Amino acid sequence: MDQARITTAISELARNIYLYAETGHISIEILEVDDKKGIKIIAKDKGPGIKDIRLVIQDGYSTSQGLGAGLPGVRRLMDEFDIQTWAGEGTEVSIIKWLR
């Protein structure tokens, strides 16, 4: 089940890079903290940035005529979610899934 969640989250982050920034990259890192193991994914782009983060992480909000499940869905699928954005410089989304 975790594999499907991780794959779906990465796919959505890649789609966002393609639709909104055109260029970017996704990195994957294995985490080991105390007795916990996990995977950290960072999606970073050099797009225009996000004007209102609170708005884009709300269910149903879409700028691409989609369902608006993108970033809110990624947030629900993963255990940790962080987004940073800079106007005219890009956006970085960092997500973590702790493995059972």
Foldseek 3Di string as FASTA:
>chain_A
DLVVLVVVLVVLLVVCCVPFAVDWDKDKDWDDDPNWTKIKIKTKGQGQWDPDPVQLLDQQDDPVPDRSCRNVVNCVSFDDWDKDTDGNGIIMIMTMHIDD
